Amino acid sequence: MQIAHNCVIGEDTVISGQAGVAGSSTVGDDCILAGQVGIASHVNIGNKVILLAQSGVTKSLKPGYYFGTPAKELKSAHKLEAHLRNLPNYSDRIKELEKEIKELKEQLNKKL
């Protein structure tokens, strides 16, 4: 764990191994910083913030659960991760739809 200069860490806050808080940042009360969390300088983390492992914080956060780099609210992060895993399927489906549209346009132009 590394805590830089001018940092304020609130009461009952837990900071796990390999986490780091850059200079002049504030972490509120009752927070949890899981392993390998990084907080940029001059960031304010509110009370009751939970940062899941390997999250990177680049802006101030309000109470809640966060994950990812840059840290996002957990629900949003899970949705984004699911969409990223499905990008190849989305790409294939878009190609199929573009082909169908092209064929339909050609059929329509023949009738006109």
PDB file of N, CA and C in Angstrom:
ATOM      1  N   MET A   1       0.857  -1.170   0.000  1.00  0.00           N
ATOM      2  CA  MET A   1       0.000   0.000   0.000  1.00  0.00           C
ATOM      3  C   MET A   1       0.900   1.229   0.000  1.00  0.00           C
ATOM      4  N   GLN A   2       0.513   2.213  -0.797  1.00  0.00           N
ATOM      5  CA  GLN A   2       1.264   3.465  -0.881  1.00  0.00           C
ATOM      6  C   GLN A   2       0.291   4.625  -0.711  1.00  0.00           C
ATOM      7  N   ILE A   3       0.542   5.452   0.263  1.00  0.00           N
ATOM      8  CA  ILE A   3      -0.264   6.655   0.463  1.00  0.00           C
ATOM      9  C   ILE A   3       0.683   7.836   0.353  1.00  0.00           C
ATOM     10  N   ALA A   4       0.418   8.713  -0.591  1.00  0.00           N
ATOM     11  CA  ALA A   4       1.318   9.831  -0.883  1.00  0.00           C
ATOM     12  C   ALA A   4       1.085  11.008   0.073  1.00  0.00           C
ATOM     13  N   HIS A   5       1.791  12.082  -0.190  1.00  0.00           N
ATOM     14  CA  HIS A   5       1.737  13.281   0.638  1.00  0.00           C
ATOM     15  C   HIS A   5       0.352  13.932   0.630  1.00  0.00           C
ATOM     16  N   ASN A   6       0.028  14.593   1.722  1.00  0.00           N
ATOM     17  CA  ASN A   6      -1.185  15.414   1.838  1.00  0.00           C
ATOM     18  C   ASN A   6      -2.480  14.621   1.720  1.00  0.00           C
ATOM     19  N   CYS A   7      -2.473  13.322   1.886  1.00  0.00           N
ATOM     20  CA  CYS A   7      -3.692  12.517   1.777  1.00  0.00           C
ATOM     21  C   CYS A   7      -4.417  12.474   3.120  1.00  0.00           C
ATOM     22  N   VAL A   8      -5.738  12.359   3.035  1.00  0.00           N
ATOM     23  CA  VAL A   8      -6.561  12.182   4.224  1.00  0.00           C
ATOM     24  C   VAL A   8      -7.337  10.885   4.038  1.00  0.00           C
ATOM     25  N   ILE A   9      -7.219   9.978   4.999  1.00  0.00           N
ATOM     26  CA  ILE A   9      -7.927   8.698   4.958  1.00  0.00           C
ATOM     27  C   ILE A   9      -8.917   8.698   6.114  1.00  0.00           C
ATOM     28  N   GLY A  10     -10.202   8.447   5.802  1.00  0.00           N
ATOM     29  CA  GLY A  10     -11.250   8.491   6.809  1.00  0.00           C
ATOM     30  C   GLY A  10     -11.232   7.318   7.775  1.00  0.00           C
ATOM     31  N   GLU A  11     -12.080   7.428   8.787  1.00  0.00           N
ATOM     32  CA  GLU A  11     -12.191   6.388   9.800  1.00  0.00           C
ATOM     33  C   GLU A  11     -12.839   5.123   9.225  1.00  0.00           C
ATOM     34  N   ASP A  12     -12.448   3.995   9.774  1.00  0.00           N
ATOM     35  CA  ASP A  12     -13.010   2.693   9.411  1.00  0.00           C
ATOM     36  C   ASP A  12     -12.888   2.400   7.924  1.00  0.00           C
ATOM     37  N   THR A  13     -11.862   2.914   7.290  1.00  0.00           N
ATOM     38  CA  THR A  13     -11.589   2.647   5.882  1.00  0.00           C
ATOM     39  C   THR A  13     -10.536   1.553   5.787  1.00  0.00           C
ATOM     40  N   VAL A  14     -10.761   0.601   4.875  1.00  0.00           N
ATOM     41  CA  VAL A  14      -9.853  -0.529   4.686  1.00  0.00           C
ATOM     42  C   VAL A  14      -9.162  -0.355   3.338  1.00  0.00           C
ATOM     43  N   ILE A  15      -7.841  -0.472   3.348  1.00  0.00           N
ATOM     44  CA  ILE A  15      -7.061  -0.377   2.107  1.00  0.00           C
ATOM     45  C   ILE A  15      -6.253  -1.661   1.974  1.00  0.00           C
ATOM     46  N   SER A  16      -6.514  -2.414   0.916  1.00  0.00           N
ATOM     47  CA  SER A  16      -5.843  -3.704   0.703  1.00  0.00           C
ATOM     48  C   SER A  16      -4.467  -3.519   0.074  1.00  0.00           C
ATOM     49  N   GLY A  17      -3.741  -4.621  -0.011  1.00  0.00           N
ATOM     50  CA  GLY A  17      -2.393  -4.612  -0.557  1.00  0.00           C
ATOM     51  C   GLY A  17      -2.330  -4.157  -1.998  1.00  0.00           C
ATOM     52  N   GLN A  18      -1.202  -3.575  -2.345  1.00  0.00           N
ATOM     53  CA  GLN A  18      -0.885  -3.085  -3.678  1.00  0.00           C
ATOM     54  C   GLN A  18      -1.817  -1.969  -4.130  1.00  0.00           C
ATOM     55  N   ALA A  19      -2.491  -1.316  -3.192  1.00  0.00           N
ATOM     56  CA  ALA A  19      -3.319  -0.164  -3.524  1.00  0.00           C
ATOM     57  C   ALA A  19      -2.476   1.091  -3.345  1.00  0.00           C
ATOM     58  N   GLY A  20      -2.857   2.153  -4.054  1.00  0.00           N
ATOM     59  CA  GLY A  20      -2.108   3.389  -3.937  1.00  0.00           C
ATOM     60  C   GLY A  20      -3.015   4.591  -4.019  1.00  0.00           C
ATOM     61  N   VAL A  21      -2.703   5.584  -3.203  1.00  0.00           N
ATOM     62  CA  VAL A  21      -3.455   6.836  -3.196  1.00  0.00           C
ATOM     63  C   VAL A  21      -2.458   7.951  -3.491  1.00  0.00           C
ATOM     64  N   ALA A  22      -2.673   8.658  -4.594  1.00  0.00           N
ATOM     65  CA  ALA A  22      -1.751   9.709  -5.002  1.00  0.00           C
ATOM     66  C   ALA A  22      -1.966  10.971  -4.171  1.00  0.00           C
ATOM     67  N   GLY A  23      -1.032  11.878  -4.287  1.00  0.00           N
ATOM     68  CA  GLY A  23      -0.982  13.072  -3.460  1.00  0.00           C
ATOM     69  C   GLY A  23      -2.233  13.919  -3.438  1.00  0.00           C
ATOM     70  N   SER A  24      -2.498  14.467  -2.268  1.00  0.00           N
ATOM     71  CA  SER A  24      -3.593  15.416  -2.025  1.00  0.00           C
ATOM     72  C   SER A  24      -4.972  14.838  -2.305  1.00  0.00           C
ATOM     73  N   SER A  25      -5.122  13.533  -2.183  1.00  0.00           N
ATOM     74  CA  SER A  25      -6.429  12.895  -2.351  1.00  0.00           C
ATOM     75  C   SER A  25      -7.047  12.644  -0.988  1.00  0.00           C
ATOM     76  N   THR A  26      -8.378  12.530  -0.983  1.00  0.00           N
ATOM     77  CA  THR A  26      -9.118  12.275   0.250  1.00  0.00           C
ATOM     78  C   THR A  26      -9.967  11.030   0.066  1.00  0.00           C
ATOM     79  N   VAL A  27      -9.914  10.140   1.041  1.00  0.00           N
ATOM     80  CA  VAL A  27     -10.762   8.950   1.055  1.00  0.00           C
ATOM     81  C   VAL A  27     -11.635   9.066   2.295  1.00  0.00           C
ATOM     82  N   GLY A  28     -12.944   8.956   2.117  1.00  0.00           N
ATOM     83  CA  GLY A  28     -13.889   9.159   3.207  1.00  0.00           C
ATOM     84  C   GLY A  28     -13.934   8.025   4.216  1.00  0.00           C
ATOM     85  N   ASP A  29     -14.921   8.111   5.090  1.00  0.00           N
ATOM     86  CA  ASP A  29     -15.133   7.101   6.128  1.00  0.00           C
ATOM     87  C   ASP A  29     -15.812   5.858   5.548  1.00  0.00           C
ATOM     88  N   ASP A  30     -15.571   4.712   6.174  1.00  0.00           N
ATOM     89  CA  ASP A  30     -16.246   3.448   5.854  1.00  0.00           C
ATOM     90  C   ASP A  30     -16.070   3.036   4.399  1.00  0.00           C
ATOM     91  N   CYS A  31     -14.897   3.260   3.845  1.00  0.00           N
ATOM     92  CA  CYS A  31     -14.611   2.877   2.457  1.00  0.00           C
ATOM     93  C   CYS A  31     -13.824   1.571   2.425  1.00  0.00           C
ATOM     94  N   ILE A  32     -13.867   0.904   1.275  1.00  0.00           N
ATOM     95  CA  ILE A  32     -13.044  -0.281   1.046  1.00  0.00           C
ATOM     96  C   ILE A  32     -12.325  -0.089  -0.281  1.00  0.00           C
ATOM     97  N   LEU A  33     -11.003  -0.175  -0.235  1.00  0.00           N
ATOM     98  CA  LEU A  33     -10.190  -0.149  -1.442  1.00  0.00           C
ATOM     99  C   LEU A  33      -9.582  -1.540  -1.577  1.00  0.00           C
ATOM    100  N   ALA A  34     -10.063  -2.314  -2.524  1.00  0.00           N
ATOM    101  CA  ALA A  34      -9.581  -3.678  -2.720  1.00  0.00           C
ATOM    102  C   ALA A  34      -8.175  -3.656  -3.317  1.00  0.00           C
ATOM    103  N   GLY A  35      -7.597  -4.827  -3.509  1.00  0.00           N
ATOM    104  CA  GLY A  35      -6.237  -4.944  -4.007  1.00  0.00           C
ATOM    105  C   GLY A  35      -6.017  -4.277  -5.347  1.00  0.00           C
ATOM    106  N   GLN A  36      -4.876  -3.644  -5.480  1.00  0.00           N
ATOM    107  CA  GLN A  36      -4.413  -2.998  -6.701  1.00  0.00           C
ATOM    108  C   GLN A  36      -5.287  -1.839  -7.157  1.00  0.00           C
ATOM    109  N   VAL A  37      -6.015  -1.228  -6.265  1.00  0.00           N
ATOM    110  CA  VAL A  37      -6.773  -0.023  -6.601  1.00  0.00           C
ATOM    111  C   VAL A  37      -5.802   1.143  -6.661  1.00  0.00           C
ATOM    112  N   GLY A  38      -5.999   2.007  -7.646  1.00  0.00           N
ATOM    113  CA  GLY A  38      -5.177   3.207  -7.759  1.00  0.00           C
ATOM    114  C   GLY A  38      -6.062   4.438  -7.789  1.00  0.00           C
ATOM    115  N   ILE A  39      -5.686   5.433  -7.021  1.00  0.00           N
ATOM    116  CA  ILE A  39      -6.441   6.690  -6.975  1.00  0.00           C
ATOM    117  C   ILE A  39      -5.510   7.807  -7.412  1.00  0.00           C
ATOM    118  N   ALA A  40      -5.934   8.572  -8.415  1.00  0.00           N
ATOM    119  CA  ALA A  40      -5.143   9.679  -8.935  1.00  0.00           C
ATOM    120  C   ALA A  40      -5.084  10.825  -7.925  1.00  0.00           C
ATOM    121  N   SER A  41      -4.195  11.763  -8.172  1.00  0.00           N
ATOM    122  CA  SER A  41      -4.029  12.888  -7.253  1.00  0.00           C
ATOM    123  C   SER A  41      -5.217  13.839  -7.298  1.00  0.00           C
ATOM    124  N   HIS A  42      -5.448  14.519  -6.188  1.00  0.00           N
ATOM    125  CA  HIS A  42      -6.483  15.546  -6.040  1.00  0.00           C
ATOM    126  C   HIS A  42      -7.888  15.003  -6.281  1.00  0.00           C
ATOM    127  N   VAL A  43      -8.129  13.762  -5.882  1.00  0.00           N
ATOM    128  CA  VAL A  43      -9.442  13.125  -6.039  1.00  0.00           C
ATOM    129  C   VAL A  43     -10.076  12.996  -4.661  1.00  0.00           C
ATOM    130  N   ASN A  44     -11.381  13.215  -4.603  1.00  0.00           N
ATOM    131  CA  ASN A  44     -12.120  13.061  -3.348  1.00  0.00           C
ATOM    132  C   ASN A  44     -13.034  11.848  -3.451  1.00  0.00           C
ATOM    133  N   ILE A  45     -12.790  10.878  -2.585  1.00  0.00           N
ATOM    134  CA  ILE A  45     -13.621   9.683  -2.517  1.00  0.00           C
ATOM    135  C   ILE A  45     -14.569   9.887  -1.347  1.00  0.00           C
ATOM    136  N   GLY A  46     -15.868   9.832  -1.616  1.00  0.00           N
ATOM    137  CA  GLY A  46     -16.856  10.062  -0.562  1.00  0.00           C
ATOM    138  C   GLY A  46     -16.901   8.942   0.462  1.00  0.00           C
ATOM    139  N   ASN A  47     -17.753   9.104   1.450  1.00  0.00           N
ATOM    140  CA  ASN A  47     -17.962   8.072   2.458  1.00  0.00           C
ATOM    141  C   ASN A  47     -18.651   6.862   1.822  1.00  0.00           C
ATOM    142  N   LYS A  48     -18.387   5.684   2.369  1.00  0.00           N
ATOM    143  CA  LYS A  48     -19.049   4.438   1.965  1.00  0.00           C
ATOM    144  C   LYS A  48     -18.865   4.123   0.476  1.00  0.00           C
ATOM    145  N   VAL A  49     -17.676   4.345  -0.025  1.00  0.00           N
ATOM    146  CA  VAL A  49     -17.330   3.975  -1.395  1.00  0.00           C
ATOM    147  C   VAL A  49     -16.593   2.648  -1.347  1.00  0.00           C
ATOM    148  N   ILE A  50     -16.996   1.722  -2.216  1.00  0.00           N
ATOM    149  CA  ILE A  50     -16.327   0.430  -2.320  1.00  0.00           C
ATOM    150  C   ILE A  50     -15.731   0.330  -3.721  1.00  0.00           C
ATOM    151  N   LEU A  51     -14.415   0.202  -3.757  1.00  0.00           N
ATOM    152  CA  LEU A  51     -13.697   0.086  -5.024  1.00  0.00           C
ATOM    153  C   LEU A  51     -13.209  -1.340  -5.172  1.00  0.00           C
ATOM    154  N   LEU A  52     -13.717  -2.023  -6.183  1.00  0.00           N
ATOM    155  CA  LEU A  52     -13.330  -3.417  -6.410  1.00  0.00           C
ATOM    156  C   LEU A  52     -11.921  -3.500  -6.983  1.00  0.00           C
ATOM    157  N   ALA A  53     -11.337  -4.687  -6.929  1.00  0.00           N
ATOM    158  CA  ALA A  53      -9.940  -4.905  -7.291  1.00  0.00           C
ATOM    159  C   ALA A  53      -9.583  -4.334  -8.655  1.00  0.00           C
ATOM    160  N   GLN A  54      -8.395  -3.774  -8.724  1.00  0.00           N
ATOM    161  CA  GLN A  54      -7.783  -3.237  -9.929  1.00  0.00           C
ATOM    162  C   GLN A  54      -8.533  -2.046 -10.515  1.00  0.00           C
ATOM    163  N   SER A  55      -9.338  -1.384  -9.726  1.00  0.00           N
ATOM    164  CA  SER A  55     -10.039  -0.193 -10.207  1.00  0.00           C
ATOM    165  C   SER A  55      -9.083   0.990 -10.225  1.00  0.00           C
ATOM    166  N   GLY A  56      -9.261   1.836 -11.215  1.00  0.00           N
ATOM    167  CA  GLY A  56      -8.455   3.050 -11.339  1.00  0.00           C
ATOM    168  C   GLY A  56      -9.359   4.262 -11.229  1.00  0.00           C
ATOM    169  N   VAL A  57      -9.137   5.089 -10.236  1.00  0.00           N
ATOM    170  CA  VAL A  57     -10.007   6.235  -9.978  1.00  0.00           C
ATOM    171  C   VAL A  57      -9.345   7.496 -10.509  1.00  0.00           C
ATOM    172  N   THR A  58     -10.026   8.162 -11.430  1.00  0.00           N
ATOM    173  CA  THR A  58      -9.488   9.374 -12.036  1.00  0.00           C
ATOM    174  C   THR A  58     -10.307  10.612 -11.708  1.00  0.00           C
ATOM    175  N   LYS A  59     -11.447  10.417 -11.045  1.00  0.00           N
ATOM    176  CA  LYS A  59     -12.297  11.557 -10.678  1.00  0.00           C
ATOM    177  C   LYS A  59     -12.963  11.262  -9.332  1.00  0.00           C
ATOM    178  N   SER A  60     -13.494  12.282  -8.724  1.00  0.00           N
ATOM    179  CA  SER A  60     -14.133  12.129  -7.420  1.00  0.00           C
ATOM    180  C   SER A  60     -15.357  11.224  -7.519  1.00  0.00           C
ATOM    181  N   LEU A  61     -15.624  10.480  -6.429  1.00  0.00           N
ATOM    182  CA  LEU A  61     -16.724   9.514  -6.420  1.00  0.00           C
ATOM    183  C   LEU A  61     -17.650   9.743  -5.236  1.00  0.00           C
ATOM    184  N   LYS A  62     -18.933   9.500  -5.479  1.00  0.00           N
ATOM    185  CA  LYS A  62     -19.956   9.541  -4.440  1.00  0.00           C
ATOM    186  C   LYS A  62     -20.119   8.132  -3.869  1.00  0.00           C
ATOM    187  N   PRO A  63     -20.862   7.970  -2.771  1.00  0.00           N
ATOM    188  CA  PRO A  63     -21.049   6.626  -2.191  1.00  0.00           C
ATOM    189  C   PRO A  63     -21.571   5.617  -3.214  1.00  0.00           C
ATOM    190  N   GLY A  64     -21.064   4.391  -3.144  1.00  0.00           N
ATOM    191  CA  GLY A  64     -21.509   3.323  -4.037  1.00  0.00           C
ATOM    192  C   GLY A  64     -20.387   2.343  -4.313  1.00  0.00           C
ATOM    193  N   TYR A  65     -20.681   1.392  -5.186  1.00  0.00           N
ATOM    194  CA  TYR A  65     -19.736   0.365  -5.603  1.00  0.00           C
ATOM    195  C   TYR A  65     -19.190   0.743  -6.978  1.00  0.00           C
ATOM    196  N   TYR A  66     -17.870   0.595  -7.153  1.00  0.00           N
ATOM    197  CA  TYR A  66     -17.227   0.975  -8.411  1.00  0.00           C
ATOM    198  C   TYR A  66     -16.252  -0.112  -8.846  1.00  0.00           C
ATOM    199  N   PHE A  67     -16.026  -0.174 -10.171  1.00  0.00           N
ATOM    200  CA  PHE A  67     -15.143  -1.179 -10.740  1.00  0.00           C
ATOM    201  C   PHE A  67     -14.586  -0.676 -12.061  1.00  0.00           C
ATOM    202  N   GLY A  68     -13.375  -1.075 -12.389  1.00  0.00           N
ATOM    203  CA  GLY A  68     -12.797  -0.815 -13.701  1.00  0.00           C
ATOM    204  C   GLY A  68     -11.878   0.385 -13.731  1.00  0.00           C
ATOM    205  N   THR A  69     -11.326   0.615 -14.913  1.00  0.00           N
ATOM    206  CA  THR A  69     -10.451   1.755 -15.155  1.00  0.00           C
ATOM    207  C   THR A  69     -10.882   2.428 -16.434  1.00  0.00           C
ATOM    208  N   PRO A  70     -11.341   3.664 -16.373  1.00  0.00           N
ATOM    209  CA  PRO A  70     -11.593   4.419 -15.149  1.00  0.00           C
ATOM    210  C   PRO A  70     -12.764   3.806 -14.385  1.00  0.00           C
ATOM    211  N   ALA A  71     -12.771   4.004 -13.081  1.00  0.00           N
ATOM    212  CA  ALA A  71     -13.793   3.412 -12.221  1.00  0.00           C
ATOM    213  C   ALA A  71     -15.187   3.876 -12.645  1.00  0.00           C
ATOM    214  N   LYS A  72     -16.096   2.889 -12.761  1.00  0.00           N
ATOM    215  CA  LYS A  72     -17.485   3.154 -13.135  1.00  0.00           C
ATOM    216  C   LYS A  72     -18.380   2.517 -12.084  1.00  0.00           C
ATOM    217  N   GLU A  73     -19.595   3.038 -11.961  1.00  0.00           N
ATOM    218  CA  GLU A  73     -20.531   2.404 -11.041  1.00  0.00           C
ATOM    219  C   GLU A  73     -20.653   0.936 -11.433  1.00  0.00           C
ATOM    220  N   LEU A  74     -20.750   0.068 -10.457  1.00  0.00           N
ATOM    221  CA  LEU A  74     -20.679  -1.372 -10.685  1.00  0.00           C
ATOM    222  C   LEU A  74     -21.700  -1.857 -11.712  1.00  0.00           C
ATOM    223  N   LYS A  75     -22.934  -1.403 -11.615  1.00  0.00           N
ATOM    224  CA  LYS A  75     -23.967  -1.853 -12.549  1.00  0.00           C
ATOM    225  C   LYS A  75     -23.603  -1.470 -13.984  1.00  0.00           C
ATOM    226  N   SER A  76     -23.159  -0.243 -14.188  1.00  0.00           N
ATOM    227  CA  SER A  76     -22.741   0.201 -15.520  1.00  0.00           C
ATOM    228  C   SER A  76     -21.532  -0.579 -16.004  1.00  0.00           C
ATOM    229  N   ALA A  77     -20.580  -0.823 -15.105  1.00  0.00           N
ATOM    230  CA  ALA A  77     -19.369  -1.556 -15.476  1.00  0.00           C
ATOM    231  C   ALA A  77     -19.708  -2.965 -15.938  1.00  0.00           C
ATOM    232  N   HIS A  78     -20.630  -3.634 -15.241  1.00  0.00           N
ATOM    233  CA  HIS A  78     -21.025  -4.988 -15.641  1.00  0.00           C
ATOM    234  C   HIS A  78     -21.690  -4.988 -17.013  1.00  0.00           C
ATOM    235  N   LYS A  79     -22.549  -4.001 -17.274  1.00  0.00           N
ATOM    236  CA  LYS A  79     -23.191  -3.913 -18.597  1.00  0.00           C
ATOM    237  C   LYS A  79     -22.148  -3.692 -19.693  1.00  0.00           C
ATOM    238  N   LEU A  80     -21.204  -2.788 -19.446  1.00  0.00           N
ATOM    239  CA  LEU A  80     -20.162  -2.519 -20.444  1.00  0.00           C
ATOM    240  C   LEU A  80     -19.303  -3.755 -20.700  1.00  0.00           C
ATOM    241  N   GLU A  81     -18.941  -4.457 -19.642  1.00  0.00           N
ATOM    242  CA  GLU A  81     -18.136  -5.673 -19.802  1.00  0.00           C
ATOM    243  C   GLU A  81     -18.888  -6.717 -20.627  1.00  0.00           C
ATOM    244  N   ALA A  82     -20.181  -6.856 -20.394  1.00  0.00           N
ATOM    245  CA  ALA A  82     -20.985  -7.812 -21.158  1.00  0.00           C
ATOM    246  C   ALA A  82     -21.020  -7.425 -22.631  1.00  0.00           C
ATOM    247  N   HIS A  83     -21.193  -6.144 -22.909  1.00  0.00           N
ATOM    248  CA  HIS A  83     -21.211  -5.695 -24.308  1.00  0.00           C
ATOM    249  C   HIS A  83     -19.849  -5.891 -24.971  1.00  0.00           C
ATOM    250  N   LEU A  84     -18.781  -5.628 -24.252  1.00  0.00           N
ATOM    251  CA  LEU A  84     -17.452  -5.836 -24.822  1.00  0.00           C
ATOM    252  C   LEU A  84     -17.228  -7.297 -25.200  1.00  0.00           C
ATOM    253  N   ARG A  85     -17.684  -8.203 -24.334  1.00  0.00           N
ATOM    254  CA  ARG A  85     -17.543  -9.639 -24.645  1.00  0.00           C
ATOM    255  C   ARG A  85     -18.339 -10.023 -25.887  1.00  0.00           C
ATOM    256  N   ASN A  86     -19.426  -9.290 -26.166  1.00  0.00           N
ATOM    257  CA  ASN A  86     -20.291  -9.620 -27.297  1.00  0.00           C
ATOM    258  C   ASN A  86     -19.982  -8.827 -28.566  1.00  0.00           C
ATOM    259  N   LEU A  87     -18.946  -7.994 -28.554  1.00  0.00           N
ATOM    260  CA  LEU A  87     -18.634  -7.185 -29.736  1.00  0.00           C
ATOM    261  C   LEU A  87     -18.481  -7.999 -31.022  1.00  0.00           C
ATOM    262  N   PRO A  88     -17.795  -9.138 -31.004  1.00  0.00           N
ATOM    263  CA  PRO A  88     -17.697  -9.911 -32.254  1.00  0.00           C
ATOM    264  C   PRO A  88     -19.076 -10.322 -32.792  1.00  0.00           C
ATOM    265  N   ASN A  89     -19.993 -10.708 -31.905  1.00  0.00           N
ATOM    266  CA  ASN A  89     -21.344 -11.072 -32.336  1.00  0.00           C
ATOM    267  C   ASN A  89     -22.080  -9.867 -32.888  1.00  0.00           C
ATOM    268  N   TYR A  90     -21.921  -8.732 -32.225  1.00  0.00           N
ATOM    269  CA  TYR A  90     -22.572  -7.505 -32.706  1.00  0.00           C
ATOM    270  C   TYR A  90     -22.060  -7.161 -34.098  1.00  0.00           C
ATOM    271  N   SER A  91     -20.757  -7.271 -34.287  1.00  0.00           N
ATOM    272  CA  SER A  91     -20.164  -6.950 -35.584  1.00  0.00           C
ATOM    273  C   SER A  91     -20.726  -7.849 -36.680  1.00  0.00           C
ATOM    274  N   ASP A  92     -20.799  -9.141 -36.414  1.00  0.00           N
ATOM    275  CA  ASP A  92     -21.346 -10.077 -37.402  1.00  0.00           C
ATOM    276  C   ASP A  92     -22.800  -9.743 -37.710  1.00  0.00           C
ATOM    277  N   ARG A  93     -23.571  -9.444 -36.670  1.00  0.00           N
ATOM    278  CA  ARG A  93     -24.994  -9.136 -36.862  1.00  0.00           C
ATOM    279  C   ARG A  93     -25.173  -7.849 -37.667  1.00  0.00           C
ATOM    280  N   ILE A  94     -24.351  -6.844 -37.425  1.00  0.00           N
ATOM    281  CA  ILE A  94     -24.427  -5.592 -38.179  1.00  0.00           C
ATOM    282  C   ILE A  94     -24.122  -5.840 -39.653  1.00  0.00           C
ATOM    283  N   LYS A  95     -23.121  -6.668 -39.925  1.00  0.00           N
ATOM    284  CA  LYS A  95     -22.782  -7.000 -41.311  1.00  0.00           C
ATOM    285  C   LYS A  95     -23.952  -7.694 -42.000  1.00  0.00           C
ATOM    286  N   GLU A  96     -24.599  -8.623 -41.280  1.00  0.00           N
ATOM    287  CA  GLU A  96     -25.767  -9.313 -41.850  1.00  0.00           C
ATOM    288  C   GLU A  96     -26.892  -8.321 -42.150  1.00  0.00           C
ATOM    289  N   LEU A  97     -27.158  -7.430 -41.211  1.00  0.00           N
ATOM    290  CA  LEU A  97     -28.230  -6.451 -41.403  1.00  0.00           C
ATOM    291  C   LEU A  97     -27.913  -5.497 -42.549  1.00  0.00           C
ATOM    292  N   GLU A  98     -26.658  -5.081 -42.671  1.00  0.00           N
ATOM    293  CA  GLU A  98     -26.271  -4.210 -43.791  1.00  0.00           C
ATOM    294  C   GLU A  98     -26.486  -4.924 -45.128  1.00  0.00           C
ATOM    295  N   LYS A  99     -26.161  -6.209 -45.174  1.00  0.00           N
ATOM    296  CA  LYS A  99     -26.357  -6.985 -46.398  1.00  0.00           C
ATOM    297  C   LYS A  99     -27.845  -7.076 -46.743  1.00  0.00           C
ATOM    298  N   GLU A 100     -28.680  -7.341 -45.717  1.00  0.00           N
ATOM    299  CA  GLU A 100     -30.129  -7.404 -45.942  1.00  0.00           C
ATOM    300  C   GLU A 100     -30.682  -6.070 -46.437  1.00  0.00           C
ATOM    301  N   ILE A 101     -30.226  -4.992 -45.849  1.00  0.00           N
ATOM    302  CA  ILE A 101     -30.691  -3.659 -46.265  1.00  0.00           C
ATOM    303  C   ILE A 101     -30.298  -3.396 -47.708  1.00  0.00           C
ATOM    304  N   LYS A 102     -29.076  -3.747 -48.065  1.00  0.00           N
ATOM    305  CA  LYS A 102     -28.609  -3.544 -49.432  1.00  0.00           C
ATOM    306  C   LYS A 102     -29.487  -4.333 -50.416  1.00  0.00           C
ATOM    307  N   GLU A 103     -29.771  -5.599 -50.074  1.00  0.00           N
ATOM    308  CA  GLU A 103     -30.605  -6.434 -50.937  1.00  0.00           C
ATOM    309  C   GLU A 103     -32.012  -5.869 -51.057  1.00  0.00           C
ATOM    310  N   LEU A 104     -32.568  -5.415 -49.955  1.00  0.00           N
ATOM    311  CA  LEU A 104     -33.922  -4.832 -49.981  1.00  0.00           C
ATOM    312  C   LEU A 104     -33.961  -3.561 -50.813  1.00  0.00           C
ATOM    313  N   LYS A 105     -32.930  -2.735 -50.703  1.00  0.00           N
ATOM    314  CA  LYS A 105     -32.871  -1.508 -51.513  1.00  0.00           C
ATOM    315  C   LYS A 105     -32.801  -1.860 -53.001  1.00  0.00           C
ATOM    316  N   GLU A 106     -31.993  -2.873 -53.320  1.00  0.00           N
ATOM    317  CA  GLU A 106     -31.883  -3.287 -54.732  1.00  0.00           C
ATOM    318  C   GLU A 106     -33.218  -3.792 -55.246  1.00  0.00           C
ATOM    319  N   GLN A 107     -33.927  -4.567 -54.441  1.00  0.00           N
ATOM    320  CA  GLN A 107     -35.252  -5.057 -54.854  1.00  0.00           C
ATOM    321  C   GLN A 107     -36.228  -3.904 -55.026  1.00  0.00           C
ATOM    322  N   LEU A 108     -36.183  -2.959 -54.144  1.00  0.00           N
ATOM    323  CA  LEU A 108     -37.077  -1.794 -54.211  1.00  0.00           C
ATOM    324  C   LEU A 108     -36.760  -0.961 -55.464  1.00  0.00           C
ATOM    325  N   ASN A 109     -35.493  -0.763 -55.776  1.00  0.00           N
ATOM    326  CA  ASN A 109     -35.108   0.027 -56.951  1.00  0.00           C
ATOM    327  C   ASN A 109     -35.544  -0.673 -58.232  1.00  0.00           C
ATOM    328  N   LYS A 110     -35.538  -1.997 -58.277  1.00  0.00           N
ATOM    329  CA  LYS A 110     -35.986  -2.738 -59.461  1.00  0.00           C
ATOM    330  C   LYS A 110     -37.479  -2.525 -59.717  1.00  0.00           C
ATOM    331  N   LYS A 111     -38.253  -2.422 -58.618  1.00  0.00           N
ATOM    332  CA  LYS A 111     -39.700  -2.232 -58.746  1.00  0.00           C
ATOM    333  C   LYS A 111     -40.057  -0.822 -59.170  1.00  0.00           C
ATOM    334  N   LEU A 112     -39.194   0.122 -58.902  1.00  0.00           N
ATOM    335  CA  LEU A 112     -39.474   1.523 -59.261  1.00  0.00           C
ATOM    336  C   LEU A 112     -39.079   1.718 -60.661  1.00  0.00           C
TER     337      LEU A 112
END
